Amino acid sequence: MTTALATDVEFAGRLRIAAGRIARDGLGQKRVDGMTPSRMTALAVLAAEAPLRMGELAARLGISAPTVSRLVDHLAELGFLERVADEDDHRATRVRLSAEGHRGLAAVREHGATRLADRIAELDDAERAALERALPVLERLA
């Protein structure tokens, strides 16, 4: 491994850790009853791509079919998800966010954005300017 590559890998690792901490801080402070980070991730996937079959959701989340089944059952019990008939295969079902699921996800996202905005407000002018310059690059990497 070359020195430049080692530096790039180290930089990428530090960036990944920082981004993860920022994301967890925003999610972790707003508790919706019965929610965990994995459940919030499932809601976010379904908000972007629903309705999905259980196998599709499992693949998107990188978890097994039995695990996604338990996850969906729990989210449905909480009223965040609903099962709908699969128009392509009437033997199958798909899952999507319910109105309550959309509201819960929006509340957590708003809370996280507000917490981050509060932390950004604590930066000095030079730090904020550096962050603003970095934002388009971070968006491209996302």
N, C-alpha and C. Protein backbone atom coordinates (compact mmCIF):
# COMPACT_ATOMS: atom_id res chain seq x y z
N MET A 1 0.86 -1.18 0.00
CA MET A 1 0.00 0.00 0.00
C MET A 1 0.89 1.23 0.00
N THR A 2 0.60 2.16 -0.87
CA THR A 2 1.40 3.38 -0.92
C THR A 2 1.00 4.32 0.19
N THR A 3 1.85 5.27 0.47
CA THR A 3 1.56 6.25 1.53
C THR A 3 0.31 7.05 1.20
N ALA A 4 0.16 7.47 -0.05
CA ALA A 4 -1.02 8.24 -0.44
C ALA A 4 -2.29 7.41 -0.24
N LEU A 5 -2.24 6.12 -0.64
CA LEU A 5 -3.42 5.27 -0.49
C LEU A 5 -3.73 5.07 0.99
N ALA A 6 -2.69 4.85 1.80
CA ALA A 6 -2.91 4.70 3.24
C ALA A 6 -3.56 5.95 3.81
N THR A 7 -3.11 7.11 3.36
CA THR A 7 -3.68 8.37 3.81
C THR A 7 -5.14 8.49 3.37
N ASP A 8 -5.44 8.10 2.12
CA ASP A 8 -6.82 8.14 1.63
C ASP A 8 -7.70 7.19 2.42
N VAL A 9 -7.20 6.00 2.72
CA VAL A 9 -7.98 5.03 3.48
C VAL A 9 -8.20 5.54 4.90
N GLU A 10 -7.18 6.10 5.50
CA GLU A 10 -7.33 6.65 6.85
C GLU A 10 -8.33 7.81 6.84
N PHE A 11 -8.21 8.68 5.86
CA PHE A 11 -9.15 9.81 5.74
C PHE A 11 -10.58 9.30 5.57
N ALA A 12 -10.76 8.31 4.69
CA ALA A 12 -12.09 7.75 4.46
C ALA A 12 -12.65 7.13 5.75
N GLY A 13 -11.82 6.45 6.49
CA GLY A 13 -12.26 5.86 7.75
C GLY A 13 -12.70 6.92 8.75
N ARG A 14 -11.91 7.98 8.86
CA ARG A 14 -12.28 9.06 9.78
C ARG A 14 -13.57 9.73 9.35
N LEU A 15 -13.73 9.95 8.04
CA LEU A 15 -14.94 10.57 7.52
C LEU A 15 -16.16 9.69 7.78
N ARG A 16 -16.02 8.39 7.55
CA ARG A 16 -17.12 7.45 7.79
C ARG A 16 -17.54 7.46 9.26
N ILE A 17 -16.56 7.44 10.15
CA ILE A 17 -16.85 7.46 11.59
C ILE A 17 -17.56 8.75 11.98
N ALA A 18 -17.06 9.89 11.49
CA ALA A 18 -17.69 11.17 11.82
C ALA A 18 -19.12 11.24 11.30
N ALA A 19 -19.32 10.80 10.05
CA ALA A 19 -20.68 10.83 9.48
C ALA A 19 -21.62 9.92 10.27
N GLY A 20 -21.12 8.77 10.66
CA GLY A 20 -21.94 7.85 11.46
C GLY A 20 -22.32 8.44 12.80
N ARG A 21 -21.38 9.11 13.44
CA ARG A 21 -21.67 9.74 14.74
C ARG A 21 -22.70 10.85 14.59
N ILE A 22 -22.56 11.65 13.54
CA ILE A 22 -23.53 12.72 13.29
C ILE A 22 -24.92 12.12 13.08
N ALA A 23 -25.01 11.07 12.27
CA ALA A 23 -26.30 10.44 11.98
C ALA A 23 -26.89 9.82 13.25
N ARG A 24 -26.10 9.10 14.01
CA ARG A 24 -26.60 8.46 15.24
C ARG A 24 -27.02 9.49 16.27
N ASP A 25 -26.29 10.59 16.36
CA ASP A 25 -26.66 11.63 17.32
C ASP A 25 -28.04 12.19 17.02
N GLY A 26 -28.33 12.42 15.75
CA GLY A 26 -29.63 12.95 15.37
C GLY A 26 -30.75 11.96 15.61
N LEU A 27 -30.51 10.68 15.30
CA LEU A 27 -31.54 9.67 15.49
C LEU A 27 -31.72 9.31 16.95
N GLY A 28 -30.62 9.26 17.68
CA GLY A 28 -30.65 8.75 19.03
C GLY A 28 -31.35 9.63 20.03
N GLN A 29 -31.51 10.89 19.72
CA GLN A 29 -32.08 11.81 20.68
C GLN A 29 -33.60 11.89 20.61
N LYS A 30 -34.18 11.49 19.51
CA LYS A 30 -35.63 11.55 19.36
C LYS A 30 -36.16 10.13 19.42
N ARG A 31 -36.73 9.78 20.51
CA ARG A 31 -37.23 8.41 20.68
C ARG A 31 -38.71 8.34 20.32
N VAL A 32 -38.99 7.51 19.35
CA VAL A 32 -40.36 7.17 19.02
C VAL A 32 -40.58 5.82 19.68
N ASP A 33 -41.67 5.65 20.37
CA ASP A 33 -41.89 4.41 21.12
C ASP A 33 -41.63 3.18 20.27
N GLY A 34 -40.78 2.29 20.81
CA GLY A 34 -40.51 1.02 20.16
C GLY A 34 -39.54 1.08 19.00
N MET A 35 -38.94 2.23 18.74
CA MET A 35 -38.07 2.35 17.58
C MET A 35 -36.61 2.14 17.96
N THR A 36 -35.87 1.56 17.02
CA THR A 36 -34.43 1.36 17.13
C THR A 36 -33.81 1.89 15.83
N PRO A 37 -32.50 2.05 15.79
CA PRO A 37 -31.89 2.49 14.53
C PRO A 37 -32.21 1.56 13.36
N SER A 38 -32.25 0.25 13.58
CA SER A 38 -32.56 -0.66 12.47
C SER A 38 -34.01 -0.50 12.00
N ARG A 39 -34.90 -0.25 12.91
CA ARG A 39 -36.29 -0.02 12.52
C ARG A 39 -36.43 1.30 11.78
N MET A 40 -35.69 2.32 12.22
CA MET A 40 -35.71 3.60 11.52
C MET A 40 -35.15 3.45 10.11
N THR A 41 -34.11 2.64 9.97
CA THR A 41 -33.54 2.41 8.64
C THR A 41 -34.56 1.74 7.73
N ALA A 42 -35.29 0.77 8.26
CA ALA A 42 -36.33 0.11 7.47
C ALA A 42 -37.39 1.11 7.02
N LEU A 43 -37.80 2.00 7.92
CA LEU A 43 -38.79 3.01 7.55
C LEU A 43 -38.24 3.94 6.47
N ALA A 44 -36.97 4.31 6.59
CA ALA A 44 -36.36 5.20 5.59
C ALA A 44 -36.30 4.53 4.23
N VAL A 45 -35.95 3.23 4.20
CA VAL A 45 -35.91 2.49 2.93
C VAL A 45 -37.30 2.45 2.32
N LEU A 46 -38.30 2.16 3.13
CA LEU A 46 -39.67 2.07 2.62
C LEU A 46 -40.21 3.43 2.20
N ALA A 47 -39.78 4.49 2.85
CA ALA A 47 -40.21 5.82 2.44
C ALA A 47 -39.68 6.14 1.06
N ALA A 48 -38.50 5.64 0.73
CA ALA A 48 -37.88 5.93 -0.56
C ALA A 48 -38.28 4.97 -1.66
N GLU A 49 -38.61 3.71 -1.31
CA GLU A 49 -38.75 2.69 -2.34
C GLU A 49 -40.03 1.85 -2.26
N ALA A 50 -40.93 2.13 -1.37
CA ALA A 50 -42.09 1.27 -1.16
C ALA A 50 -43.08 1.36 -2.30
N PRO A 51 -43.94 0.39 -2.44
CA PRO A 51 -44.01 -0.80 -1.61
C PRO A 51 -43.00 -1.87 -2.06
N LEU A 52 -42.49 -2.62 -1.09
CA LEU A 52 -41.51 -3.67 -1.37
C LEU A 52 -42.01 -5.02 -0.86
N ARG A 53 -41.62 -6.06 -1.56
CA ARG A 53 -41.84 -7.41 -1.03
C ARG A 53 -40.87 -7.61 0.12
N MET A 54 -41.19 -8.57 0.97
CA MET A 54 -40.34 -8.82 2.14
C MET A 54 -38.92 -9.16 1.73
N GLY A 55 -38.75 -9.97 0.70
CA GLY A 55 -37.42 -10.34 0.25
C GLY A 55 -36.63 -9.14 -0.27
N GLU A 56 -37.33 -8.23 -0.94
CA GLU A 56 -36.67 -7.01 -1.43
C GLU A 56 -36.21 -6.14 -0.27
N LEU A 57 -37.06 -6.02 0.74
CA LEU A 57 -36.70 -5.23 1.91
C LEU A 57 -35.52 -5.87 2.63
N ALA A 58 -35.55 -7.18 2.78
CA ALA A 58 -34.43 -7.88 3.43
C ALA A 58 -33.13 -7.62 2.68
N ALA A 59 -33.18 -7.68 1.35
CA ALA A 59 -31.98 -7.44 0.55
C ALA A 59 -31.48 -6.00 0.72
N ARG A 60 -32.40 -5.03 0.73
CA ARG A 60 -31.99 -3.62 0.88
C ARG A 60 -31.34 -3.38 2.24
N LEU A 61 -31.85 -4.10 3.26
CA LEU A 61 -31.34 -3.91 4.62
C LEU A 61 -30.15 -4.81 4.94
N GLY A 62 -29.91 -5.81 4.07
CA GLY A 62 -28.81 -6.74 4.31
C GLY A 62 -29.07 -7.67 5.48
N ILE A 63 -30.33 -8.09 5.63
CA ILE A 63 -30.69 -9.00 6.73
C ILE A 63 -31.43 -10.20 6.16
N SER A 64 -31.60 -11.21 6.98
CA SER A 64 -32.24 -12.45 6.54
C SER A 64 -33.76 -12.29 6.47
N ALA A 65 -34.39 -13.24 5.77
CA ALA A 65 -35.85 -13.23 5.65
C ALA A 65 -36.55 -13.35 7.01
N PRO A 66 -36.12 -14.27 7.90
CA PRO A 66 -36.78 -14.33 9.21
C PRO A 66 -36.63 -13.03 10.02
N THR A 67 -35.47 -12.39 9.90
CA THR A 67 -35.24 -11.14 10.63
C THR A 67 -36.13 -10.03 10.09
N VAL A 68 -36.25 -9.93 8.76
CA VAL A 68 -37.10 -8.89 8.19
C VAL A 68 -38.56 -9.16 8.52
N SER A 69 -38.93 -10.42 8.60
CA SER A 69 -40.31 -10.76 8.95
C SER A 69 -40.64 -10.27 10.36
N ARG A 70 -39.73 -10.51 11.31
CA ARG A 70 -39.94 -10.03 12.68
C ARG A 70 -39.97 -8.50 12.72
N LEU A 71 -39.07 -7.88 11.97
CA LEU A 71 -39.00 -6.43 11.91
C LEU A 71 -40.30 -5.84 11.38
N VAL A 72 -40.79 -6.39 10.28
CA VAL A 72 -42.04 -5.90 9.68
C VAL A 72 -43.22 -6.14 10.62
N ASP A 73 -43.27 -7.33 11.24
CA ASP A 73 -44.36 -7.61 12.19
C ASP A 73 -44.39 -6.56 13.30
N HIS A 74 -43.22 -6.25 13.85
CA HIS A 74 -43.17 -5.29 14.94
C HIS A 74 -43.58 -3.89 14.47
N LEU A 75 -43.07 -3.47 13.33
CA LEU A 75 -43.42 -2.14 12.81
C LEU A 75 -44.91 -2.05 12.46
N ALA A 76 -45.47 -3.14 11.98
CA ALA A 76 -46.91 -3.16 11.69
C ALA A 76 -47.72 -3.08 12.99
N GLU A 77 -47.25 -3.79 14.04
CA GLU A 77 -47.93 -3.72 15.34
C GLU A 77 -47.93 -2.31 15.91
N LEU A 78 -46.84 -1.58 15.66
CA LEU A 78 -46.74 -0.20 16.12
C LEU A 78 -47.56 0.77 15.26
N GLY A 79 -48.05 0.27 14.12
CA GLY A 79 -48.86 1.10 13.24
C GLY A 79 -48.06 1.88 12.21
N PHE A 80 -46.76 1.57 12.07
CA PHE A 80 -45.91 2.30 11.14
C PHE A 80 -45.92 1.73 9.73
N LEU A 81 -46.31 0.49 9.58
CA LEU A 81 -46.33 -0.16 8.27
C LEU A 81 -47.70 -0.76 8.01
N GLU A 82 -47.97 -0.96 6.72
CA GLU A 82 -49.16 -1.70 6.33
C GLU A 82 -48.79 -2.65 5.20
N ARG A 83 -49.48 -3.76 5.18
CA ARG A 83 -49.26 -4.75 4.13
C ARG A 83 -50.31 -4.52 3.04
N VAL A 84 -49.85 -4.62 1.79
CA VAL A 84 -50.76 -4.42 0.66
C VAL A 84 -50.57 -5.57 -0.32
N ALA A 85 -51.59 -5.84 -1.10
CA ALA A 85 -51.51 -6.92 -2.09
C ALA A 85 -50.50 -6.54 -3.16
N ASP A 86 -49.78 -7.55 -3.63
CA ASP A 86 -48.83 -7.37 -4.73
C ASP A 86 -49.63 -7.47 -6.02
N GLU A 87 -49.66 -6.39 -6.79
CA GLU A 87 -50.44 -6.36 -8.02
C GLU A 87 -49.91 -7.33 -9.07
N ASP A 88 -48.60 -7.66 -9.01
CA ASP A 88 -47.99 -8.56 -9.98
C ASP A 88 -48.18 -10.03 -9.61
N ASP A 89 -48.33 -10.32 -8.32
CA ASP A 89 -48.46 -11.70 -7.84
C ASP A 89 -49.40 -11.68 -6.64
N HIS A 90 -50.63 -12.06 -6.86
CA HIS A 90 -51.65 -11.95 -5.80
C HIS A 90 -51.42 -12.88 -4.63
N ARG A 91 -50.46 -13.81 -4.76
CA ARG A 91 -50.10 -14.66 -3.62
C ARG A 91 -49.17 -13.93 -2.66
N ALA A 92 -48.51 -12.90 -3.13
CA ALA A 92 -47.50 -12.18 -2.35
C ALA A 92 -48.07 -10.88 -1.80
N THR A 93 -47.40 -10.36 -0.80
CA THR A 93 -47.75 -9.05 -0.26
C THR A 93 -46.53 -8.14 -0.29
N ARG A 94 -46.80 -6.89 -0.24
CA ARG A 94 -45.75 -5.87 -0.15
C ARG A 94 -46.00 -5.06 1.12
N VAL A 95 -45.00 -4.36 1.57
CA VAL A 95 -45.15 -3.51 2.74
C VAL A 95 -44.82 -2.07 2.35
N ARG A 96 -45.50 -1.15 3.03
CA ARG A 96 -45.25 0.27 2.80
C ARG A 96 -45.52 1.00 4.11
N LEU A 97 -45.07 2.24 4.16
CA LEU A 97 -45.33 3.04 5.35
C LEU A 97 -46.80 3.39 5.44
N SER A 98 -47.31 3.39 6.65
CA SER A 98 -48.65 3.91 6.91
C SER A 98 -48.53 5.42 7.09
N ALA A 99 -49.64 6.08 7.25
CA ALA A 99 -49.62 7.52 7.53
C ALA A 99 -48.85 7.78 8.82
N GLU A 100 -49.03 6.93 9.82
CA GLU A 100 -48.31 7.08 11.09
C GLU A 100 -46.81 6.87 10.89
N GLY A 101 -46.44 5.94 10.02
CA GLY A 101 -45.03 5.71 9.72
C GLY A 101 -44.39 6.92 9.06
N HIS A 102 -45.11 7.54 8.14
CA HIS A 102 -44.60 8.77 7.52
C HIS A 102 -44.43 9.88 8.55
N ARG A 103 -45.42 10.03 9.44
CA ARG A 103 -45.33 11.07 10.47
C ARG A 103 -44.17 10.81 11.43
N GLY A 104 -44.03 9.56 11.86
CA GLY A 104 -42.95 9.22 12.79
C GLY A 104 -41.57 9.45 12.18
N LEU A 105 -41.40 9.02 10.94
CA LEU A 105 -40.12 9.21 10.26
C LEU A 105 -39.83 10.69 10.07
N ALA A 106 -40.84 11.46 9.68
CA ALA A 106 -40.65 12.90 9.49
C ALA A 106 -40.27 13.58 10.81
N ALA A 107 -40.87 13.17 11.90
CA ALA A 107 -40.56 13.76 13.20
C ALA A 107 -39.12 13.49 13.60
N VAL A 108 -38.66 12.26 13.38
CA VAL A 108 -37.29 11.92 13.73
C VAL A 108 -36.31 12.68 12.84
N ARG A 109 -36.61 12.75 11.55
CA ARG A 109 -35.72 13.49 10.63
C ARG A 109 -35.66 14.97 10.98
N GLU A 110 -36.80 15.56 11.29
CA GLU A 110 -36.82 16.98 11.66
C GLU A 110 -36.04 17.21 12.94
N HIS A 111 -36.21 16.34 13.90
CA HIS A 111 -35.48 16.47 15.16
C HIS A 111 -33.97 16.37 14.92
N GLY A 112 -33.57 15.40 14.09
CA GLY A 112 -32.14 15.24 13.79
C GLY A 112 -31.58 16.45 13.08
N ALA A 113 -32.33 17.01 12.13
CA ALA A 113 -31.86 18.19 11.41
C ALA A 113 -31.76 19.39 12.36
N THR A 114 -32.70 19.52 13.28
CA THR A 114 -32.67 20.62 14.24
C THR A 114 -31.46 20.49 15.17
N ARG A 115 -31.20 19.27 15.63
CA ARG A 115 -30.02 19.05 16.49
C ARG A 115 -28.74 19.40 15.74
N LEU A 116 -28.64 18.98 14.49
CA LEU A 116 -27.45 19.28 13.72
C LEU A 116 -27.33 20.78 13.46
N ALA A 117 -28.44 21.44 13.17
CA ALA A 117 -28.42 22.89 12.96
C ALA A 117 -27.93 23.61 14.22
N ASP A 118 -28.34 23.12 15.38
CA ASP A 118 -27.88 23.71 16.64
C ASP A 118 -26.37 23.56 16.78
N ARG A 119 -25.85 22.41 16.41
CA ARG A 119 -24.40 22.17 16.51
C ARG A 119 -23.65 23.00 15.47
N ILE A 120 -24.20 23.15 14.28
CA ILE A 120 -23.56 23.97 13.25
C ILE A 120 -23.50 25.43 13.72
N ALA A 121 -24.54 25.88 14.41
CA ALA A 121 -24.58 27.27 14.91
C ALA A 121 -23.44 27.53 15.90
N GLU A 122 -22.90 26.49 16.52
CA GLU A 122 -21.81 26.64 17.48
C GLU A 122 -20.44 26.79 16.79
N LEU A 123 -20.38 26.52 15.49
CA LEU A 123 -19.11 26.62 14.76
C LEU A 123 -18.73 28.08 14.57
N ASP A 124 -17.42 28.33 14.48
CA ASP A 124 -17.01 29.70 14.15
C ASP A 124 -17.17 29.91 12.65
N ASP A 125 -17.00 31.13 12.19
CA ASP A 125 -17.23 31.46 10.78
C ASP A 125 -16.36 30.64 9.83
N ALA A 126 -15.11 30.43 10.18
CA ALA A 126 -14.20 29.68 9.31
C ALA A 126 -14.62 28.21 9.22
N GLU A 127 -15.02 27.63 10.34
CA GLU A 127 -15.47 26.23 10.33
C GLU A 127 -16.75 26.07 9.52
N ARG A 128 -17.67 27.00 9.71
CA ARG A 128 -18.92 26.93 8.94
C ARG A 128 -18.65 27.08 7.44
N ALA A 129 -17.77 28.00 7.08
CA ALA A 129 -17.43 28.19 5.66
C ALA A 129 -16.79 26.93 5.09
N ALA A 130 -15.93 26.29 5.86
CA ALA A 130 -15.29 25.04 5.40
C ALA A 130 -16.35 23.95 5.21
N LEU A 131 -17.29 23.87 6.12
CA LEU A 131 -18.36 22.88 6.00
C LEU A 131 -19.24 23.17 4.78
N GLU A 132 -19.55 24.42 4.54
CA GLU A 132 -20.36 24.79 3.38
C GLU A 132 -19.64 24.45 2.07
N ARG A 133 -18.33 24.67 2.04
CA ARG A 133 -17.56 24.32 0.84
C ARG A 133 -17.51 22.81 0.63
N ALA A 134 -17.50 22.06 1.71
CA ALA A 134 -17.41 20.59 1.63
C ALA A 134 -18.75 19.95 1.27
N LEU A 135 -19.85 20.62 1.51
CA LEU A 135 -21.17 20.01 1.34
C LEU A 135 -21.41 19.44 -0.06
N PRO A 136 -21.13 20.16 -1.15
CA PRO A 136 -21.36 19.57 -2.48
C PRO A 136 -20.56 18.28 -2.70
N VAL A 137 -19.35 18.23 -2.18
CA VAL A 137 -18.53 17.02 -2.31
C VAL A 137 -19.16 15.88 -1.50
N LEU A 138 -19.59 16.16 -0.30
CA LEU A 138 -20.23 15.14 0.53
C LEU A 138 -21.52 14.63 -0.12
N GLU A 139 -22.28 15.54 -0.71
CA GLU A 139 -23.51 15.14 -1.41
C GLU A 139 -23.18 14.24 -2.59
N ARG A 140 -22.11 14.53 -3.28
CA ARG A 140 -21.71 13.69 -4.41
C ARG A 140 -21.28 12.30 -3.96
N LEU A 141 -20.65 12.21 -2.80
CA LEU A 141 -20.22 10.92 -2.25
C LEU A 141 -21.39 10.10 -1.71
N ALA A 142 -22.47 10.77 -1.33
CA ALA A 142 -23.60 10.08 -0.69
C ALA A 142 -24.37 9.21 -1.67
